[in-house]
Amino acid sequence: MSDEYEYQHEVEELEGKSATAARLFDVRRIIGGLFVVYGILVTIAGITASDADLKKAENININLWTGLSMLVVGLLFLLWLKLRPTAAPHTAPEPRQEGPGPVPRRDTDEG
């Protein structure tokens, strides 16, 4: 009985680690984080744009608008992750059998 308890405890511990890993490597976290980081970099490039850069883009600060858009998208991904976290996968417990089950009879006609 003690071995069964230890085995069950190990299984529950592994399930907990698996759920943590699933939340850690959620795609929304990775995509949102990358969009936020790149959005910050591009926004900084847009804020520090020179007059020559703006003249090439017909006086539209493309880097600023693209960076701000990337920031918004990244923050939306992270907000989505916060509002709808990944649920841990639940496995249905298998029915347990005590000892060997009944052996089905095979009726055969010999003769």
PDB file of N, CA and C in Angstrom:
ATOM      1  N   MET A   1       0.816  -1.175   0.000  1.00  0.00           N
ATOM      2  CA  MET A   1       0.000   0.000   0.000  1.00  0.00           C
ATOM      3  C   MET A   1       0.869   1.250   0.000  1.00  0.00           C
ATOM      4  N   SER A   2       1.995   1.210   0.670  1.00  0.00           N
ATOM      5  CA  SER A   2       2.905   2.343   0.745  1.00  0.00           C
ATOM      6  C   SER A   2       3.494   2.646  -0.628  1.00  0.00           C
ATOM      7  N   ASP A   3       3.832   1.600  -1.401  1.00  0.00           N
ATOM      8  CA  ASP A   3       4.378   1.804  -2.739  1.00  0.00           C
ATOM      9  C   ASP A   3       3.348   2.473  -3.641  1.00  0.00           C
ATOM     10  N   GLU A   4       2.096   2.073  -3.491  1.00  0.00           N
ATOM     11  CA  GLU A   4       1.036   2.657  -4.313  1.00  0.00           C
ATOM     12  C   GLU A   4       0.863   4.139  -3.982  1.00  0.00           C
ATOM     13  N   TYR A   5       0.946   4.494  -2.711  1.00  0.00           N
ATOM     14  CA  TYR A   5       0.828   5.893  -2.290  1.00  0.00           C
ATOM     15  C   TYR A   5       1.983   6.716  -2.850  1.00  0.00           C
ATOM     16  N   GLU A   6       3.196   6.184  -2.788  1.00  0.00           N
ATOM     17  CA  GLU A   6       4.362   6.901  -3.323  1.00  0.00           C
ATOM     18  C   GLU A   6       4.238   7.084  -4.834  1.00  0.00           C
ATOM     19  N   TYR A   7       3.757   6.037  -5.504  1.00  0.00           N
ATOM     20  CA  TYR A   7       3.589   6.116  -6.947  1.00  0.00           C
ATOM     21  C   TYR A   7       2.568   7.195  -7.293  1.00  0.00           C
ATOM     22  N   GLN A   8       1.440   7.219  -6.581  1.00  0.00           N
ATOM     23  CA  GLN A   8       0.402   8.217  -6.825  1.00  0.00           C
ATOM     24  C   GLN A   8       0.946   9.624  -6.560  1.00  0.00           C
ATOM     25  N   HIS A   9       1.736   9.772  -5.510  1.00  0.00           N
ATOM     26  CA  HIS A   9       2.331  11.073  -5.178  1.00  0.00           C
ATOM     27  C   HIS A   9       3.275  11.531  -6.295  1.00  0.00           C
ATOM     28  N   GLU A  10       4.074  10.625  -6.840  1.00  0.00           N
ATOM     29  CA  GLU A  10       4.989  10.974  -7.931  1.00  0.00           C
ATOM     30  C   GLU A  10       4.216  11.378  -9.180  1.00  0.00           C
ATOM     31  N   VAL A  11       3.126  10.669  -9.467  1.00  0.00           N
ATOM     32  CA  VAL A  11       2.317  10.993 -10.643  1.00  0.00           C
ATOM     33  C   VAL A  11       1.713  12.383 -10.493  1.00  0.00           C
ATOM     34  N   GLU A  12       1.185  12.699  -9.316  1.00  0.00           N
ATOM     35  CA  GLU A  12       0.604  14.021  -9.090  1.00  0.00           C
ATOM     36  C   GLU A  12       1.666  15.116  -9.204  1.00  0.00           C
ATOM     37  N   GLU A  13       2.868  14.851  -8.727  1.00  0.00           N
ATOM     38  CA  GLU A  13       3.952  15.830  -8.821  1.00  0.00           C
ATOM     39  C   GLU A  13       4.337  16.072 -10.274  1.00  0.00           C
ATOM     40  N   LEU A  14       4.421  15.001 -11.077  1.00  0.00           N
ATOM     41  CA  LEU A  14       4.757  15.149 -12.490  1.00  0.00           C
ATOM     42  C   LEU A  14       3.657  15.884 -13.247  1.00  0.00           C
ATOM     43  N   GLU A  15       2.400  15.631 -12.892  1.00  0.00           N
ATOM     44  CA  GLU A  15       1.296  16.345 -13.537  1.00  0.00           C
ATOM     45  C   GLU A  15       1.374  17.838 -13.236  1.00  0.00           C
ATOM     46  N   GLY A  16       1.750  18.179 -11.998  1.00  0.00           N
ATOM     47  CA  GLY A  16       1.902  19.583 -11.637  1.00  0.00           C
ATOM     48  C   GLY A  16       3.018  20.251 -12.416  1.00  0.00           C
ATOM     49  N   LYS A  17       4.143  19.547 -12.567  1.00  0.00           N
ATOM     50  CA  LYS A  17       5.260  20.104 -13.338  1.00  0.00           C
ATOM     51  C   LYS A  17       4.883  20.255 -14.810  1.00  0.00           C
ATOM     52  N   SER A  18       4.126  19.300 -15.341  1.00  0.00           N
ATOM     53  CA  SER A  18       3.700  19.363 -16.733  1.00  0.00           C
ATOM     54  C   SER A  18       2.790  20.550 -16.969  1.00  0.00           C
ATOM     55  N   ALA A  19       1.878  20.795 -16.037  1.00  0.00           N
ATOM     56  CA  ALA A  19       0.982  21.952 -16.173  1.00  0.00           C
ATOM     57  C   ALA A  19       1.766  23.250 -16.105  1.00  0.00           C
ATOM     58  N   THR A  20       2.767  23.309 -15.235  1.00  0.00           N
ATOM     59  CA  THR A  20       3.601  24.513 -15.127  1.00  0.00           C
ATOM     60  C   THR A  20       4.366  24.739 -16.419  1.00  0.00           C
ATOM     61  N   ALA A  21       4.907  23.673 -16.992  1.00  0.00           N
ATOM     62  CA  ALA A  21       5.650  23.800 -18.249  1.00  0.00           C
ATOM     63  C   ALA A  21       4.723  24.222 -19.379  1.00  0.00           C
ATOM     64  N   ALA A  22       3.495  23.728 -19.380  1.00  0.00           N
ATOM     65  CA  ALA A  22       2.547  24.110 -20.423  1.00  0.00           C
ATOM     66  C   ALA A  22       2.229  25.592 -20.340  1.00  0.00           C
ATOM     67  N   ARG A  23       2.071  26.116 -19.124  1.00  0.00           N
ATOM     68  CA  ARG A  23       1.795  27.549 -18.973  1.00  0.00           C
ATOM     69  C   ARG A  23       3.032  28.380 -19.296  1.00  0.00           C
ATOM     70  N   LEU A  24       4.211  27.870 -18.973  1.00  0.00           N
ATOM     71  CA  LEU A  24       5.432  28.620 -19.197  1.00  0.00           C
ATOM     72  C   LEU A  24       5.714  28.793 -20.689  1.00  0.00           C
ATOM     73  N   PHE A  25       5.468  27.759 -21.471  1.00  0.00           N
ATOM     74  CA  PHE A  25       5.780  27.801 -22.902  1.00  0.00           C
ATOM     75  C   PHE A  25       4.533  28.012 -23.742  1.00  0.00           C
ATOM     76  N   ASP A  26       3.567  28.745 -23.205  1.00  0.00           N
ATOM     77  CA  ASP A  26       2.374  29.069 -23.965  1.00  0.00           C
ATOM     78  C   ASP A  26       2.769  29.991 -25.115  1.00  0.00           C
ATOM     79  N   VAL A  27       2.251  29.721 -26.300  1.00  0.00           N
ATOM     80  CA  VAL A  27       2.614  30.477 -27.497  1.00  0.00           C
ATOM     81  C   VAL A  27       2.222  31.944 -27.353  1.00  0.00           C
ATOM     82  N   ARG A  28       1.127  32.206 -26.660  1.00  0.00           N
ATOM     83  CA  ARG A  28       0.688  33.596 -26.496  1.00  0.00           C
ATOM     84  C   ARG A  28       1.720  34.404 -25.724  1.00  0.00           C
ATOM     85  N   ARG A  29       2.371  33.776 -24.756  1.00  0.00           N
ATOM     86  CA  ARG A  29       3.393  34.474 -23.972  1.00  0.00           C
ATOM     87  C   ARG A  29       4.604  34.808 -24.846  1.00  0.00           C
ATOM     88  N   ILE A  30       5.010  33.870 -25.661  1.00  0.00           N
ATOM     89  CA  ILE A  30       6.187  34.074 -26.517  1.00  0.00           C
ATOM     90  C   ILE A  30       5.907  35.131 -27.579  1.00  0.00           C
ATOM     91  N   ILE A  31       4.767  35.005 -28.264  1.00  0.00           N
ATOM     92  CA  ILE A  31       4.430  35.974 -29.317  1.00  0.00           C
ATOM     93  C   ILE A  31       4.215  37.361 -28.721  1.00  0.00           C
ATOM     94  N   GLY A  32       3.476  37.429 -27.629  1.00  0.00           N
ATOM     95  CA  GLY A  32       3.230  38.723 -26.990  1.00  0.00           C
ATOM     96  C   GLY A  32       4.507  39.380 -26.521  1.00  0.00           C
ATOM     97  N   GLY A  33       5.391  38.592 -25.924  1.00  0.00           N
ATOM     98  CA  GLY A  33       6.661  39.137 -25.456  1.00  0.00           C
ATOM     99  C   GLY A  33       7.519  39.666 -26.588  1.00  0.00           C
ATOM    100  N   LEU A  34       7.572  38.913 -27.685  1.00  0.00           N
ATOM    101  CA  LEU A  34       8.369  39.370 -28.831  1.00  0.00           C
ATOM    102  C   LEU A  34       7.789  40.639 -29.437  1.00  0.00           C
ATOM    103  N   PHE A  35       6.466  40.700 -29.565  1.00  0.00           N
ATOM    104  CA  PHE A  35       5.853  41.910 -30.111  1.00  0.00           C
ATOM    105  C   PHE A  35       6.121  43.113 -29.219  1.00  0.00           C
ATOM    106  N   VAL A  36       6.067  42.928 -27.915  1.00  0.00           N
ATOM    107  CA  VAL A  36       6.325  44.048 -27.008  1.00  0.00           C
ATOM    108  C   VAL A  36       7.772  44.509 -27.124  1.00  0.00           C
ATOM    109  N   VAL A  37       8.712  43.576 -27.134  1.00  0.00           N
ATOM    110  CA  VAL A  37      10.132  43.953 -27.225  1.00  0.00           C
ATOM    111  C   VAL A  37      10.423  44.660 -28.545  1.00  0.00           C
ATOM    112  N   TYR A  38       9.959  44.068 -29.668  1.00  0.00           N
ATOM    113  CA  TYR A  38      10.213  44.699 -30.956  1.00  0.00           C
ATOM    114  C   TYR A  38       9.438  46.014 -31.082  1.00  0.00           C
ATOM    115  N   GLY A  39       8.246  46.076 -30.492  1.00  0.00           N
ATOM    116  CA  GLY A  39       7.476  47.318 -30.517  1.00  0.00           C
ATOM    117  C   GLY A  39       8.196  48.439 -29.807  1.00  0.00           C
ATOM    118  N   ILE A  40       8.818  48.122 -28.675  1.00  0.00           N
ATOM    119  CA  ILE A  40       9.595  49.139 -27.949  1.00  0.00           C
ATOM    120  C   ILE A  40      10.758  49.627 -28.802  1.00  0.00           C
ATOM    121  N   LEU A  41      11.476  48.693 -29.423  1.00  0.00           N
ATOM    122  CA  LEU A  41      12.633  49.082 -30.242  1.00  0.00           C
ATOM    123  C   LEU A  41      12.224  49.939 -31.435  1.00  0.00           C
ATOM    124  N   VAL A  42      11.159  49.532 -32.119  1.00  0.00           N
ATOM    125  CA  VAL A  42      10.731  50.281 -33.301  1.00  0.00           C
ATOM    126  C   VAL A  42      10.143  51.634 -32.899  1.00  0.00           C
ATOM    127  N   THR A  43       9.455  51.696 -31.755  1.00  0.00           N
ATOM    128  CA  THR A  43       8.923  52.971 -31.273  1.00  0.00           C
ATOM    129  C   THR A  43      10.057  53.939 -30.944  1.00  0.00           C
ATOM    130  N   ILE A  44      11.103  53.429 -30.320  1.00  0.00           N
ATOM    131  CA  ILE A  44      12.268  54.285 -30.032  1.00  0.00           C
ATOM    132  C   ILE A  44      12.889  54.785 -31.333  1.00  0.00           C
ATOM    133  N   ALA A  45      12.961  53.901 -32.341  1.00  0.00           N
ATOM    134  CA  ALA A  45      13.490  54.339 -33.633  1.00  0.00           C
ATOM    135  C   ALA A  45      12.585  55.399 -34.255  1.00  0.00           C
ATOM    136  N   GLY A  46      11.284  55.311 -34.030  1.00  0.00           N
ATOM    137  CA  GLY A  46      10.359  56.307 -34.565  1.00  0.00           C
ATOM    138  C   GLY A  46      10.446  57.628 -33.836  1.00  0.00           C
ATOM    139  N   ILE A  47      10.671  57.581 -32.528  1.00  0.00           N
ATOM    140  CA  ILE A  47      10.786  58.820 -31.751  1.00  0.00           C
ATOM    141  C   ILE A  47      12.052  59.574 -32.134  1.00  0.00           C
ATOM    142  N   THR A  48      13.117  58.840 -32.420  1.00  0.00           N
ATOM    143  CA  THR A  48      14.406  59.466 -32.735  1.00  0.00           C
ATOM    144  C   THR A  48      14.628  59.624 -34.239  1.00  0.00           C
ATOM    145  N   ALA A  49      13.546  59.550 -35.022  1.00  0.00           N
ATOM    146  CA  ALA A  49      13.697  59.658 -36.478  1.00  0.00           C
ATOM    147  C   ALA A  49      14.128  61.069 -36.866  1.00  0.00           C
ATOM    148  N   SER A  50      14.986  61.134 -37.859  1.00  0.00           N
ATOM    149  CA  SER A  50      15.464  62.446 -38.333  1.00  0.00           C
ATOM    150  C   SER A  50      14.495  63.007 -39.383  1.00  0.00           C
ATOM    151  N   ASP A  51      14.718  64.248 -39.724  1.00  0.00           N
ATOM    152  CA  ASP A  51      13.875  64.883 -40.755  1.00  0.00           C
ATOM    153  C   ASP A  51      14.072  64.212 -42.113  1.00  0.00           C
ATOM    154  N   ALA A  52      15.277  63.731 -42.370  1.00  0.00           N
ATOM    155  CA  ALA A  52      15.540  63.053 -43.644  1.00  0.00           C
ATOM    156  C   ALA A  52      14.754  61.746 -43.728  1.00  0.00           C
ATOM    157  N   ASP A  53      14.663  61.024 -42.587  1.00  0.00           N
ATOM    158  CA  ASP A  53      13.886  59.775 -42.578  1.00  0.00           C
ATOM    159  C   ASP A  53      12.403  60.064 -42.807  1.00  0.00           C
ATOM    160  N   LEU A  54      11.918  61.111 -42.212  1.00  0.00           N
ATOM    161  CA  LEU A  54      10.508  61.461 -42.384  1.00  0.00           C
ATOM    162  C   LEU A  54      10.227  61.926 -43.816  1.00  0.00           C
ATOM    163  N   LYS A  55      11.187  62.626 -44.409  1.00  0.00           N
ATOM    164  CA  LYS A  55      11.005  63.106 -45.786  1.00  0.00           C
ATOM    165  C   LYS A  55      10.938  61.935 -46.761  1.00  0.00           C
ATOM    166  N   LYS A  56      11.735  60.866 -46.492  1.00  0.00           N
ATOM    167  CA  LYS A  56      11.699  59.675 -47.355  1.00  0.00           C
ATOM    168  C   LYS A  56      10.347  58.976 -47.300  1.00  0.00           C
ATOM    169  N   ALA A  57       9.665  59.100 -46.167  1.00  0.00           N
ATOM    170  CA  ALA A  57       8.375  58.426 -45.988  1.00  0.00           C
ATOM    171  C   ALA A  57       7.209  59.393 -46.144  1.00  0.00           C
ATOM    172  N   GLU A  58       7.427  60.471 -46.879  1.00  0.00           N
ATOM    173  CA  GLU A  58       6.392  61.475 -47.142  1.00  0.00           C
ATOM    174  C   GLU A  58       5.796  62.036 -45.851  1.00  0.00           C
ATOM    175  N   ASN A  59       6.670  62.353 -44.905  1.00  0.00           N
ATOM    176  CA  ASN A  59       6.328  62.951 -43.611  1.00  0.00           C
ATOM    177  C   ASN A  59       5.377  62.107 -42.749  1.00  0.00           C
ATOM    178  N   ILE A  60       5.435  60.818 -42.942  1.00  0.00           N
ATOM    179  CA  ILE A  60       4.694  59.882 -42.075  1.00  0.00           C
ATOM    180  C   ILE A  60       5.738  59.117 -41.273  1.00  0.00           C
ATOM    181  N   ASN A  61       5.612  59.177 -39.977  1.00  0.00           N
ATOM    182  CA  ASN A  61       6.575  58.493 -39.112  1.00  0.00           C
ATOM    183  C   ASN A  61       6.189  57.008 -39.022  1.00  0.00           C
ATOM    184  N   ILE A  62       6.627  56.240 -40.016  1.00  0.00           N
ATOM    185  CA  ILE A  62       6.243  54.834 -40.126  1.00  0.00           C
ATOM    186  C   ILE A  62       6.740  54.024 -38.930  1.00  0.00           C
ATOM    187  N   ASN A  63       7.965  54.281 -38.505  1.00  0.00           N
ATOM    188  CA  ASN A  63       8.509  53.530 -37.374  1.00  0.00           C
ATOM    189  C   ASN A  63       7.699  53.764 -36.098  1.00  0.00           C
ATOM    190  N   LEU A  64       7.283  54.984 -35.881  1.00  0.00           N
ATOM    191  CA  LEU A  64       6.508  55.285 -34.679  1.00  0.00           C
ATOM    192  C   LEU A  64       5.165  54.562 -34.703  1.00  0.00           C
ATOM    193  N   TRP A  65       4.440  54.655 -35.817  1.00  0.00           N
ATOM    194  CA  TRP A  65       3.130  54.017 -35.908  1.00  0.00           C
ATOM    195  C   TRP A  65       3.235  52.498 -35.896  1.00  0.00           C
ATOM    196  N   THR A  66       4.245  51.953 -36.557  1.00  0.00           N
ATOM    197  CA  THR A  66       4.431  50.500 -36.551  1.00  0.00           C
ATOM    198  C   THR A  66       4.816  50.013 -35.160  1.00  0.00           C
ATOM    199  N   GLY A  67       5.691  50.739 -34.497  1.00  0.00           N
ATOM    200  CA  GLY A  67       6.103  50.364 -33.147  1.00  0.00           C
ATOM    201  C   GLY A  67       4.953  50.395 -32.159  1.00  0.00           C
ATOM    202  N   LEU A  68       4.141  51.451 -32.236  1.00  0.00           N
ATOM    203  CA  LEU A  68       2.978  51.536 -31.346  1.00  0.00           C
ATOM    204  C   LEU A  68       1.972  50.419 -31.637  1.00  0.00           C
ATOM    205  N   SER A  69       1.795  50.107 -32.913  1.00  0.00           N
ATOM    206  CA  SER A  69       0.892  49.004 -33.278  1.00  0.00           C
ATOM    207  C   SER A  69       1.408  47.672 -32.747  1.00  0.00           C
ATOM    208  N   MET A  70       2.707  47.457 -32.853  1.00  0.00           N
ATOM    209  CA  MET A  70       3.290  46.217 -32.336  1.00  0.00           C
ATOM    210  C   MET A  70       3.152  46.135 -30.819  1.00  0.00           C
ATOM    211  N   LEU A  71       3.310  47.268 -30.142  1.00  0.00           N
ATOM    212  CA  LEU A  71       3.112  47.296 -28.690  1.00  0.00           C
ATOM    213  C   LEU A  71       1.676  46.917 -28.324  1.00  0.00           C
ATOM    214  N   VAL A  72       0.711  47.457 -29.048  1.00  0.00           N
ATOM    215  CA  VAL A  72      -0.698  47.161 -28.769  1.00  0.00           C
ATOM    216  C   VAL A  72      -0.977  45.671 -28.995  1.00  0.00           C
ATOM    217  N   VAL A  73      -0.485  45.118 -30.099  1.00  0.00           N
ATOM    218  CA  VAL A  73      -0.713  43.695 -30.388  1.00  0.00           C
ATOM    219  C   VAL A  73      -0.064  42.820 -29.319  1.00  0.00           C
ATOM    220  N   GLY A  74       1.157  43.141 -28.949  1.00  0.00           N
ATOM    221  CA  GLY A  74       1.843  42.359 -27.918  1.00  0.00           C
ATOM    222  C   GLY A  74       1.127  42.420 -26.582  1.00  0.00           C
ATOM    223  N   LEU A  75       0.661  43.612 -26.200  1.00  0.00           N
ATOM    224  CA  LEU A  75      -0.064  43.744 -24.943  1.00  0.00           C
ATOM    225  C   LEU A  75      -1.411  43.029 -24.993  1.00  0.00           C
ATOM    226  N   LEU A  76      -2.044  42.991 -26.164  1.00  0.00           N
ATOM    227  CA  LEU A  76      -3.293  42.235 -26.290  1.00  0.00           C
ATOM    228  C   LEU A  76      -3.047  40.737 -26.105  1.00  0.00           C
ATOM    229  N   PHE A  77      -1.959  40.226 -26.655  1.00  0.00           N
ATOM    230  CA  PHE A  77      -1.617  38.810 -26.462  1.00  0.00           C
ATOM    231  C   PHE A  77      -1.380  38.514 -24.985  1.00  0.00           C
ATOM    232  N   LEU A  78      -0.663  39.387 -24.305  1.00  0.00           N
ATOM    233  CA  LEU A  78      -0.381  39.166 -22.886  1.00  0.00           C
ATOM    234  C   LEU A  78      -1.642  39.324 -22.034  1.00  0.00           C
ATOM    235  N   LEU A  79      -2.523  40.239 -22.427  1.00  0.00           N
ATOM    236  CA  LEU A  79      -3.798  40.382 -21.725  1.00  0.00           C
ATOM    237  C   LEU A  79      -4.661  39.141 -21.926  1.00  0.00           C
ATOM    238  N   TRP A  80      -4.672  38.613 -23.136  1.00  0.00           N
ATOM    239  CA  TRP A  80      -5.403  37.379 -23.437  1.00  0.00           C
ATOM    240  C   TRP A  80      -4.871  36.235 -22.576  1.00  0.00           C
ATOM    241  N   LEU A  81      -3.569  36.162 -22.432  1.00  0.00           N
ATOM    242  CA  LEU A  81      -2.962  35.124 -21.599  1.00  0.00           C
ATOM    243  C   LEU A  81      -3.380  35.286 -20.145  1.00  0.00           C
ATOM    244  N   LYS A  82      -3.465  36.526 -19.685  1.00  0.00           N
ATOM    245  CA  LYS A  82      -3.835  36.788 -18.288  1.00  0.00           C
ATOM    246  C   LYS A  82      -5.312  36.467 -18.039  1.00  0.00           C
ATOM    247  N   LEU A  83      -6.171  36.839 -18.988  1.00  0.00           N
ATOM    248  CA  LEU A  83      -7.604  36.631 -18.805  1.00  0.00           C
ATOM    249  C   LEU A  83      -8.041  35.181 -19.030  1.00  0.00           C
ATOM    250  N   ARG A  84      -7.387  34.474 -19.943  1.00  0.00           N
ATOM    251  CA  ARG A  84      -7.738  33.086 -20.247  1.00  0.00           C
ATOM    252  C   ARG A  84      -6.505  32.198 -20.126  1.00  0.00           C
ATOM    253  N   PRO A  85      -6.066  31.905 -18.896  1.00  0.00           N
ATOM    254  CA  PRO A  85      -4.851  31.096 -18.737  1.00  0.00           C
ATOM    255  C   PRO A  85      -5.064  29.676 -19.249  1.00  0.00           C
ATOM    256  N   THR A  86      -3.968  29.042 -19.556  1.00  0.00           N
ATOM    257  CA  THR A  86      -3.999  27.672 -20.054  1.00  0.00           C
ATOM    258  C   THR A  86      -4.426  26.735 -18.948  1.00  0.00           C
ATOM    259  N   ALA A  87      -5.426  25.934 -19.230  1.00  0.00           N
ATOM    260  CA  ALA A  87      -5.889  24.959 -18.244  1.00  0.00           C
ATOM    261  C   ALA A  87      -5.004  23.721 -18.320  1.00  0.00           C
ATOM    262  N   ALA A  88      -4.726  23.163 -17.173  1.00  0.00           N
ATOM    263  CA  ALA A  88      -3.922  21.942 -17.139  1.00  0.00           C
ATOM    264  C   ALA A  88      -4.721  20.800 -17.741  1.00  0.00           C
ATOM    265  N   PRO A  89      -4.070  19.965 -18.533  1.00  0.00           N
ATOM    266  CA  PRO A  89      -4.798  18.833 -19.118  1.00  0.00           C
ATOM    267  C   PRO A  89      -5.217  17.853 -18.028  1.00  0.00           C
ATOM    268  N   HIS A  90      -6.480  17.480 -18.058  1.00  0.00           N
ATOM    269  CA  HIS A  90      -6.994  16.540 -17.062  1.00  0.00           C
ATOM    270  C   HIS A  90      -7.128  15.167 -17.699  1.00  0.00           C
ATOM    271  N   THR A  91      -6.603  14.191 -17.039  1.00  0.00           N
ATOM    272  CA  THR A  91      -6.726  12.821 -17.519  1.00  0.00           C
ATOM    273  C   THR A  91      -7.747  12.118 -16.656  1.00  0.00           C
ATOM    274  N   ALA A  92      -8.604  11.363 -17.295  1.00  0.00           N
ATOM    275  CA  ALA A  92      -9.628  10.620 -16.561  1.00  0.00           C
ATOM    276  C   ALA A  92      -8.965   9.446 -15.853  1.00  0.00           C
ATOM    277  N   PRO A  93      -9.302   9.226 -14.598  1.00  0.00           N
ATOM    278  CA  PRO A  93      -8.707   8.098 -13.897  1.00  0.00           C
ATOM    279  C   PRO A  93      -9.214   6.787 -14.487  1.00  0.00           C
ATOM    280  N   GLU A  94      -8.292   5.874 -14.655  1.00  0.00           N
ATOM    281  CA  GLU A  94      -8.651   4.572 -15.203  1.00  0.00           C
ATOM    282  C   GLU A  94      -9.270   3.721 -14.108  1.00  0.00           C
ATOM    283  N   PRO A  95     -10.282   2.927 -14.461  1.00  0.00           N
ATOM    284  CA  PRO A  95     -10.876   2.057 -13.444  1.00  0.00           C
ATOM    285  C   PRO A  95      -9.865   1.013 -12.987  1.00  0.00           C
ATOM    286  N   ARG A  96      -9.865   0.780 -11.689  1.00  0.00           N
ATOM    287  CA  ARG A  96      -8.901  -0.170 -11.133  1.00  0.00           C
ATOM    288  C   ARG A  96      -9.555  -1.522 -10.970  1.00  0.00           C
ATOM    289  N   GLN A  97      -8.777  -2.532 -11.182  1.00  0.00           N
ATOM    290  CA  GLN A  97      -9.252  -3.891 -10.976  1.00  0.00           C
ATOM    291  C   GLN A  97      -8.471  -4.494  -9.830  1.00  0.00           C
ATOM    292  N   GLU A  98      -9.171  -5.165  -8.967  1.00  0.00           N
ATOM    293  CA  GLU A  98      -8.531  -5.890  -7.880  1.00  0.00           C
ATOM    294  C   GLU A  98      -8.313  -7.327  -8.339  1.00  0.00           C
ATOM    295  N   GLY A  99      -7.099  -7.665  -8.584  1.00  0.00           N
ATOM    296  CA  GLY A  99      -6.785  -9.038  -8.998  1.00  0.00           C
ATOM    297  C   GLY A  99      -7.190  -9.264 -10.439  1.00  0.00           C
ATOM    298  N   PRO A 100      -7.050 -10.495 -10.911  1.00  0.00           N
ATOM    299  CA  PRO A 100      -7.413 -10.790 -12.303  1.00  0.00           C
ATOM    300  C   PRO A 100      -8.931 -10.742 -12.465  1.00  0.00           C
ATOM    301  N   GLY A 101      -9.365 -10.249 -13.592  1.00  0.00           N
ATOM    302  CA  GLY A 101     -10.785 -10.140 -13.879  1.00  0.00           C
ATOM    303  C   GLY A 101     -11.343 -11.497 -14.278  1.00  0.00           C
ATOM    304  N   PRO A 102     -12.631 -11.552 -14.495  1.00  0.00           N
ATOM    305  CA  PRO A 102     -13.237 -12.825 -14.888  1.00  0.00           C
ATOM    306  C   PRO A 102     -12.755 -13.240 -16.273  1.00  0.00           C
ATOM    307  N   VAL A 103     -12.574 -14.497 -16.428  1.00  0.00           N
ATOM    308  CA  VAL A 103     -12.115 -15.051 -17.695  1.00  0.00           C
ATOM    309  C   VAL A 103     -13.349 -15.398 -18.515  1.00  0.00           C
ATOM    310  N   PRO A 104     -13.463 -14.845 -19.711  1.00  0.00           N
ATOM    311  CA  PRO A 104     -14.638 -15.153 -20.517  1.00  0.00           C
ATOM    312  C   PRO A 104     -14.617 -16.611 -20.970  1.00  0.00           C
ATOM    313  N   ARG A 105     -15.797 -17.224 -20.950  1.00  0.00           N
ATOM    314  CA  ARG A 105     -15.899 -18.609 -21.402  1.00  0.00           C
ATOM    315  C   ARG A 105     -16.015 -18.640 -22.906  1.00  0.00           C
ATOM    316  N   ARG A 106     -15.414 -19.661 -23.454  1.00  0.00           N
ATOM    317  CA  ARG A 106     -15.518 -19.860 -24.883  1.00  0.00           C
ATOM    318  C   ARG A 106     -16.277 -21.156 -25.095  1.00  0.00           C
ATOM    319  N   ASP A 107     -17.492 -21.023 -25.573  1.00  0.00           N
ATOM    320  CA  ASP A 107     -18.280 -22.217 -25.855  1.00  0.00           C
ATOM    321  C   ASP A 107     -17.966 -22.679 -27.261  1.00  0.00           C
ATOM    322  N   THR A 108     -17.495 -23.880 -27.348  1.00  0.00           N
ATOM    323  CA  THR A 108     -17.188 -24.449 -28.647  1.00  0.00           C
ATOM    324  C   THR A 108     -17.889 -25.772 -28.775  1.00  0.00           C
ATOM    325  N   ASP A 109     -18.396 -26.017 -29.925  1.00  0.00           N
ATOM    326  CA  ASP A 109     -19.028 -27.307 -30.199  1.00  0.00           C
ATOM    327  C   ASP A 109     -17.989 -28.228 -30.784  1.00  0.00           C
ATOM    328  N   GLU A 110     -17.708 -29.245 -30.040  1.00  0.00           N
ATOM    329  CA  GLU A 110     -16.755 -30.242 -30.551  1.00  0.00           C
ATOM    330  C   GLU A 110     -17.548 -31.497 -30.847  1.00  0.00           C
ATOM    331  N   GLY A 111     -17.508 -31.902 -31.999  1.00  0.00           N
ATOM    332  CA  GLY A 111     -18.137 -33.196 -32.212  1.00  0.00           C
ATOM    333  C   GLY A 111     -18.932 -33.290 -33.350  1.00  0.00           C
TER     334      GLY A 111
END
